[in-house]
Amino acid sequence: MDFEFPLPLDRQLGFALYSAFMAVGRVYKPWLDKLGLTYPQYLVMCVLWEDDDQTIGGIAQRLDLEPSTITPLMKRLEQAGHVVRQRNPADERQVRVQLTDQGRAVRAQTRTLAAALYDKSGMTVDEVADLNTRVRALRDAFRGP
């Protein structure tokens, strides 16, 4: 296969992924605004909805971010009443995060977000799941060993 360099923008994989992310973000934004969450805060909440009571480091690892990036998000989520942070008595360096009842209740409100994404995509649930699997495989390939 012949390639011209640099590739035209519309043929660059990075740009396609980036612009798709931005488009998805625009669909998320009005829903997240109603919940009072930014997208990064929403991701943190998703991690905690999957497995509550985690360390800042564990959340950062799950999201492939630095703990220093997660800390300000946690402060804002705590101020909003969604989480509580506590130092681990066994290791004072470690901060544990738990959802509050309010934080758990927000999860139910995100169901309409998933429906909006599927509707807007024009794809079936199986097609979106397949695309998600393929994008994760691509991510993992770029991460390397």
C-alpha atoms as a PDB file:
ATOM      1  CA  MET A   1       0.000   0.000   0.000  1.00  0.00           C
ATOM      2  CA  ASP A   2       1.394   3.398  -0.973  1.00  0.00           C
ATOM      3  CA  PHE A   3       1.294   6.218   1.540  1.00  0.00           C
ATOM      4  CA  GLU A   4       1.824   9.883   0.921  1.00  0.00           C
ATOM      5  CA  PHE A   5       3.519  11.650   3.799  1.00  0.00           C
ATOM      6  CA  PRO A   6       2.237  13.306   5.707  1.00  0.00           C
ATOM      7  CA  LEU A   7      -1.092  11.555   5.299  1.00  0.00           C
ATOM      8  CA  PRO A   8      -4.056  13.809   4.626  1.00  0.00           C
ATOM      9  CA  LEU A   9      -5.770  14.582   7.914  1.00  0.00           C
ATOM     10  CA  ASP A  10      -8.860  12.486   7.172  1.00  0.00           C
ATOM     11  CA  ARG A  11      -6.659   9.406   6.621  1.00  0.00           C
ATOM     12  CA  GLN A  12      -4.781   9.796   9.927  1.00  0.00           C
ATOM     13  CA  LEU A  13      -5.912   7.320  12.562  1.00  0.00           C
ATOM     14  CA  GLY A  14      -5.022   9.644  15.433  1.00  0.00           C
ATOM     15  CA  PHE A  15      -7.202  12.408  14.025  1.00  0.00           C
ATOM     16  CA  ALA A  16     -10.133  10.041  13.442  1.00  0.00           C
ATOM     17  CA  LEU A  17      -9.935   8.826  17.046  1.00  0.00           C
ATOM     18  CA  TYR A  18      -9.489  12.343  18.393  1.00  0.00           C
ATOM     19  CA  SER A  19     -12.388  13.803  16.405  1.00  0.00           C
ATOM     20  CA  ALA A  20     -14.610  10.838  17.349  1.00  0.00           C
ATOM     21  CA  PHE A  21     -13.763  11.443  21.018  1.00  0.00           C
ATOM     22  CA  MET A  22     -14.624  15.121  20.650  1.00  0.00           C
ATOM     23  CA  ALA A  23     -17.948  14.282  18.957  1.00  0.00           C
ATOM     24  CA  VAL A  24     -18.850  11.793  21.692  1.00  0.00           C
ATOM     25  CA  GLY A  25     -17.909  14.424  24.270  1.00  0.00           C
ATOM     26  CA  ARG A  26     -20.367  16.850  22.705  1.00  0.00           C
ATOM     27  CA  VAL A  27     -23.122  14.243  23.117  1.00  0.00           C
ATOM     28  CA  TYR A  28     -22.118  13.625  26.745  1.00  0.00           C
ATOM     29  CA  LYS A  29     -21.827  17.302  27.696  1.00  0.00           C
ATOM     30  CA  PRO A  30     -25.496  18.307  28.120  1.00  0.00           C
ATOM     31  CA  TRP A  31     -26.183  15.135  30.121  1.00  0.00           C
ATOM     32  CA  LEU A  32     -23.152  15.577  32.323  1.00  0.00           C
ATOM     33  CA  ASP A  33     -23.956  19.270  32.804  1.00  0.00           C
ATOM     34  CA  LYS A  34     -27.335  18.212  34.232  1.00  0.00           C
ATOM     35  CA  LEU A  35     -25.485  15.942  36.662  1.00  0.00           C
ATOM     36  CA  GLY A  36     -22.949  18.632  37.525  1.00  0.00           C
ATOM     37  CA  LEU A  37     -20.048  16.465  36.335  1.00  0.00           C
ATOM     38  CA  THR A  38     -17.204  16.961  33.902  1.00  0.00           C
ATOM     39  CA  TYR A  39     -16.241  14.026  31.707  1.00  0.00           C
ATOM     40  CA  PRO A  40     -13.116  13.213  33.788  1.00  0.00           C
ATOM     41  CA  GLN A  41     -15.247  13.315  36.958  1.00  0.00           C
ATOM     42  CA  TYR A  42     -17.759  11.012  35.274  1.00  0.00           C
ATOM     43  CA  LEU A  43     -14.952   8.541  34.511  1.00  0.00           C
ATOM     44  CA  VAL A  44     -13.880   8.573  38.166  1.00  0.00           C
ATOM     45  CA  MET A  45     -17.478   7.939  39.199  1.00  0.00           C
ATOM     46  CA  CYS A  46     -17.672   5.024  36.730  1.00  0.00           C
ATOM     47  CA  VAL A  47     -14.587   3.466  38.318  1.00  0.00           C
ATOM     48  CA  LEU A  48     -16.160   3.790  41.773  1.00  0.00           C
ATOM     49  CA  TRP A  49     -19.529   2.461  40.579  1.00  0.00           C
ATOM     50  CA  GLU A  50     -17.695  -0.639  39.341  1.00  0.00           C
ATOM     51  CA  ASP A  51     -15.756  -1.073  42.589  1.00  0.00           C
ATOM     52  CA  ASP A  52     -16.322   1.315  45.495  1.00  0.00           C
ATOM     53  CA  ASP A  53     -13.730   2.117  48.191  1.00  0.00           C
ATOM     54  CA  GLN A  54     -10.529   2.436  46.191  1.00  0.00           C
ATOM     55  CA  THR A  55      -7.284   4.288  46.616  1.00  0.00           C
ATOM     56  CA  ILE A  56      -6.450   7.369  44.576  1.00  0.00           C
ATOM     57  CA  GLY A  57      -3.608   5.347  43.049  1.00  0.00           C
ATOM     58  CA  GLY A  58      -5.965   2.507  42.101  1.00  0.00           C
ATOM     59  CA  ILE A  59      -8.375   4.888  40.411  1.00  0.00           C
ATOM     60  CA  ALA A  60      -5.523   6.611  38.584  1.00  0.00           C
ATOM     61  CA  GLN A  61      -4.195   3.264  37.379  1.00  0.00           C
ATOM     62  CA  ARG A  62      -7.634   2.170  36.139  1.00  0.00           C
ATOM     63  CA  LEU A  63      -7.976   5.421  34.160  1.00  0.00           C
ATOM     64  CA  ASP A  64      -4.356   5.350  32.964  1.00  0.00           C
ATOM     65  CA  LEU A  65      -3.676   8.718  34.635  1.00  0.00           C
ATOM     66  CA  GLU A  66      -1.238  10.061  37.192  1.00  0.00           C
ATOM     67  CA  PRO A  67      -2.506  10.201  40.809  1.00  0.00           C
ATOM     68  CA  SER A  68      -1.740  13.943  40.811  1.00  0.00           C
ATOM     69  CA  THR A  69      -4.351  14.315  38.043  1.00  0.00           C
ATOM     70  CA  ILE A  70      -6.993  12.438  40.056  1.00  0.00           C
ATOM     71  CA  THR A  71      -6.572  14.368  43.320  1.00  0.00           C
ATOM     72  CA  PRO A  72      -8.151  17.663  42.135  1.00  0.00           C
ATOM     73  CA  LEU A  73     -11.035  15.701  40.596  1.00  0.00           C
ATOM     74  CA  MET A  74     -11.602  13.994  43.940  1.00  0.00           C
ATOM     75  CA  LYS A  75     -11.616  17.296  45.788  1.00  0.00           C
ATOM     76  CA  ARG A  76     -14.356  18.629  43.515  1.00  0.00           C
ATOM     77  CA  LEU A  77     -16.356  15.385  43.735  1.00  0.00           C
ATOM     78  CA  GLU A  78     -16.073  15.526  47.516  1.00  0.00           C
ATOM     79  CA  GLN A  79     -17.190  19.173  47.599  1.00  0.00           C
ATOM     80  CA  ALA A  80     -20.203  18.168  45.468  1.00  0.00           C
ATOM     81  CA  GLY A  81     -21.073  15.462  48.007  1.00  0.00           C
ATOM     82  CA  HIS A  82     -20.468  12.486  45.700  1.00  0.00           C
ATOM     83  CA  VAL A  83     -17.476  10.947  47.498  1.00  0.00           C
ATOM     84  CA  VAL A  84     -15.606  10.984  50.780  1.00  0.00           C
ATOM     85  CA  ARG A  85     -11.837  10.730  51.057  1.00  0.00           C
ATOM     86  CA  GLN A  86     -10.071   9.257  54.054  1.00  0.00           C
ATOM     87  CA  ARG A  87      -6.469   8.488  54.839  1.00  0.00           C
ATOM     88  CA  ASN A  88      -5.817   4.800  55.274  1.00  0.00           C
ATOM     89  CA  PRO A  89      -5.049   4.281  58.994  1.00  0.00           C
ATOM     90  CA  ALA A  90      -2.686   1.429  58.070  1.00  0.00           C
ATOM     91  CA  ASP A  91      -0.751   3.646  55.607  1.00  0.00           C
ATOM     92  CA  GLU A  92      -1.146   7.411  55.997  1.00  0.00           C
ATOM     93  CA  ARG A  93       0.301   7.979  52.498  1.00  0.00           C
ATOM     94  CA  GLN A  94      -2.707   6.249  50.997  1.00  0.00           C
ATOM     95  CA  VAL A  95      -6.031   8.042  50.470  1.00  0.00           C
ATOM     96  CA  ARG A  96      -9.134   5.889  50.071  1.00  0.00           C
ATOM     97  CA  VAL A  97     -12.224   7.123  48.239  1.00  0.00           C
ATOM     98  CA  GLN A  98     -15.775   5.931  48.788  1.00  0.00           C
ATOM     99  CA  LEU A  99     -19.053   6.910  47.186  1.00  0.00           C
ATOM    100  CA  THR A 100     -21.666   8.635  49.292  1.00  0.00           C
ATOM    101  CA  ASP A 101     -25.359   7.749  48.981  1.00  0.00           C
ATOM    102  CA  GLN A 102     -25.661  10.783  46.720  1.00  0.00           C
ATOM    103  CA  GLY A 103     -22.776   9.524  44.557  1.00  0.00           C
ATOM    104  CA  ARG A 104     -24.395   6.109  44.231  1.00  0.00           C
ATOM    105  CA  ALA A 105     -27.721   7.724  43.298  1.00  0.00           C
ATOM    106  CA  VAL A 106     -26.152   9.591  40.373  1.00  0.00           C
ATOM    107  CA  ARG A 107     -25.533   6.277  38.632  1.00  0.00           C
ATOM    108  CA  ALA A 108     -29.235   5.741  37.943  1.00  0.00           C
ATOM    109  CA  GLN A 109     -29.368   9.107  36.192  1.00  0.00           C
ATOM    110  CA  THR A 110     -26.691   8.041  33.693  1.00  0.00           C
ATOM    111  CA  ARG A 111     -28.891   5.402  32.027  1.00  0.00           C
ATOM    112  CA  THR A 112     -30.368   8.049  29.741  1.00  0.00           C
ATOM    113  CA  LEU A 113     -26.832   8.995  28.708  1.00  0.00           C
ATOM    114  CA  ALA A 114     -26.121   5.486  27.405  1.00  0.00           C
ATOM    115  CA  ALA A 115     -29.422   5.466  25.523  1.00  0.00           C
ATOM    116  CA  ALA A 116     -28.612   8.854  23.966  1.00  0.00           C
ATOM    117  CA  LEU A 117     -25.224   7.606  22.787  1.00  0.00           C
ATOM    118  CA  TYR A 118     -26.655   4.489  21.164  1.00  0.00           C
ATOM    119  CA  ASP A 119     -29.434   6.501  19.550  1.00  0.00           C
ATOM    120  CA  LYS A 120     -27.079   9.158  18.212  1.00  0.00           C
ATOM    121  CA  SER A 121     -24.577   6.569  16.902  1.00  0.00           C
ATOM    122  CA  GLY A 122     -27.138   4.873  14.669  1.00  0.00           C
ATOM    123  CA  MET A 123     -25.488   1.582  15.625  1.00  0.00           C
ATOM    124  CA  THR A 124     -26.875  -1.444  17.397  1.00  0.00           C
ATOM    125  CA  VAL A 125     -25.692  -2.350  20.881  1.00  0.00           C
ATOM    126  CA  ASP A 126     -23.700  -5.238  19.349  1.00  0.00           C
ATOM    127  CA  GLU A 127     -22.054  -2.924  16.796  1.00  0.00           C
ATOM    128  CA  VAL A 128     -21.040  -0.445  19.487  1.00  0.00           C
ATOM    129  CA  ALA A 129     -19.731  -3.297  21.652  1.00  0.00           C
ATOM    130  CA  ASP A 130     -17.683  -4.624  18.717  1.00  0.00           C
ATOM    131  CA  LEU A 131     -16.276  -1.164  17.990  1.00  0.00           C
ATOM    132  CA  ASN A 132     -15.396  -0.750  21.667  1.00  0.00           C
ATOM    133  CA  THR A 133     -13.575  -4.098  21.647  1.00  0.00           C
ATOM    134  CA  ARG A 134     -11.621  -3.129  18.533  1.00  0.00           C
ATOM    135  CA  VAL A 135     -10.660   0.311  19.884  1.00  0.00           C
ATOM    136  CA  ARG A 136      -9.482  -1.246  23.184  1.00  0.00           C
ATOM    137  CA  ALA A 137      -7.399  -3.776  21.219  1.00  0.00           C
ATOM    138  CA  LEU A 138      -5.851  -0.910  19.280  1.00  0.00           C
ATOM    139  CA  ARG A 139      -5.130   0.968  22.524  1.00  0.00           C
ATOM    140  CA  ASP A 140      -3.516  -2.116  24.007  1.00  0.00           C
ATOM    141  CA  ALA A 141      -1.382  -2.637  20.890  1.00  0.00           C
ATOM    142  CA  PHE A 142      -0.051   0.922  21.159  1.00  0.00           C
ATOM    143  CA  ARG A 143       0.679   0.506  24.858  1.00  0.00           C
ATOM    144  CA  GLY A 144       3.028  -2.317  23.957  1.00  0.00           C
ATOM    145  CA  PRO A 145       4.479  -4.956  26.262  1.00  0.00           C
END
